[in-house]
Amino acid sequence: MEYKIKTFETEGDSKRVGFMVDNNGKKLAIDKLVTIVDGKTDESYVQDALTAAQSEIDAWAADTAVVGKKWNPDTNSFIGDAP
């Protein structure tokens, strides 16, 4: 999976961090709010937001794992490994 930062902005006492996640051409946009703390680095905000979003990202990846794959009803199996 590839993660790109799509949003990084202050909202009151929180930092909104948004990700665009790409999993073999399937895309998910997800944002999380992280409390602002004096001295915290941008990387720390991003890591905290990713930690908060990870279970949702993992569930989305599992739900879309077979989307786009070819199906052979004669053999009751997927054709090839790539979507």
Protein backbone atom coordinates (compact mmCIF):
# COMPACT_ATOMS: atom_id res chain seq x y z
CA MET A 1 0.00 0.00 0.00
CA GLU A 2 1.08 3.54 -0.68
CA TYR A 3 0.19 6.39 1.68
CA LYS A 4 0.18 10.05 0.60
CA ILE A 5 -0.63 12.96 2.87
CA LYS A 6 -3.68 14.74 1.40
CA THR A 7 -4.50 17.04 4.32
CA PHE A 8 -2.42 18.61 7.09
CA GLU A 9 -4.15 21.55 8.76
CA THR A 10 -4.98 23.01 12.14
CA GLU A 11 -8.58 22.91 13.39
CA GLY A 12 -8.87 24.56 16.79
CA ASP A 13 -6.73 22.54 19.19
CA SER A 14 -6.33 19.63 16.75
CA LYS A 15 -4.37 18.82 13.64
CA ARG A 16 -6.33 17.22 10.77
CA VAL A 17 -4.18 14.70 8.96
CA GLY A 18 -5.60 13.09 5.85
CA PHE A 19 -4.27 10.20 3.83
CA MET A 20 -4.89 9.01 0.30
CA VAL A 21 -4.24 5.28 0.42
CA ASP A 22 -3.60 3.37 -2.81
CA ASN A 23 -3.82 -0.41 -2.77
CA ASN A 24 -3.23 -1.79 -6.28
CA GLY A 25 -5.22 1.02 -7.87
CA LYS A 26 -8.01 1.02 -5.30
CA LYS A 27 -8.11 4.30 -3.38
CA LEU A 28 -9.27 5.32 0.07
CA ALA A 29 -9.36 8.85 1.51
CA ILE A 30 -9.32 9.00 5.30
CA ASP A 31 -8.78 11.83 7.79
CA LYS A 32 -8.04 11.78 11.51
CA LEU A 33 -7.82 14.54 14.13
CA VAL A 34 -4.83 14.55 16.47
CA THR A 35 -4.54 16.82 19.51
CA ILE A 36 -1.91 19.55 19.12
CA VAL A 37 0.97 19.31 21.60
CA ASP A 38 3.74 21.92 21.90
CA GLY A 39 7.01 20.70 20.42
CA LYS A 40 5.46 17.78 18.54
CA THR A 41 6.89 17.20 15.05
CA ASP A 42 4.89 16.95 11.84
CA GLU A 43 6.09 13.35 11.53
CA SER A 44 4.67 12.57 14.97
CA TYR A 45 1.26 13.98 14.01
CA VAL A 46 1.27 11.90 10.84
CA GLN A 47 2.27 8.74 12.72
CA ASP A 48 -0.41 9.31 15.38
CA ALA A 49 -3.05 9.85 12.69
CA LEU A 50 -1.97 6.72 10.83
CA THR A 51 -2.11 4.71 14.04
CA ALA A 52 -5.66 5.99 14.63
CA ALA A 53 -6.70 5.17 11.04
CA GLN A 54 -4.90 1.82 10.63
CA SER A 55 -7.75 -0.49 11.68
CA GLU A 56 -10.12 1.23 9.21
CA ILE A 57 -7.51 1.06 6.46
CA ASP A 58 -6.90 -2.63 7.14
CA ALA A 59 -10.65 -3.39 7.08
CA TRP A 60 -11.04 -1.50 3.78
CA ALA A 61 -8.08 -3.37 2.25
CA ALA A 62 -9.57 -6.72 3.30
CA ASP A 63 -13.02 -5.78 1.94
CA THR A 64 -11.60 -4.79 -1.45
CA ALA A 65 -9.04 -7.60 -1.81
CA VAL A 66 -11.00 -9.41 -4.53
CA VAL A 67 -12.44 -6.37 -6.31
CA GLY A 68 -11.32 -6.36 -9.92
CA LYS A 69 -10.13 -9.97 -9.98
CA LYS A 70 -11.38 -12.26 -12.73
CA TRP A 71 -13.50 -15.24 -11.71
CA ASN A 72 -13.73 -18.62 -13.41
CA PRO A 73 -17.08 -20.23 -12.53
CA ASP A 74 -16.00 -23.54 -14.08
CA THR A 75 -13.14 -23.99 -11.63
CA ASN A 76 -14.70 -21.92 -8.84
CA SER A 77 -11.50 -19.89 -8.51
CA PHE A 78 -9.83 -16.61 -9.36
CA ILE A 79 -7.89 -16.31 -12.60
CA GLY A 80 -4.35 -15.05 -12.05
CA ASP A 81 -2.98 -13.21 -9.07
CA ALA A 82 -3.38 -9.59 -10.16
CA PRO A 83 -6.65 -7.68 -10.19
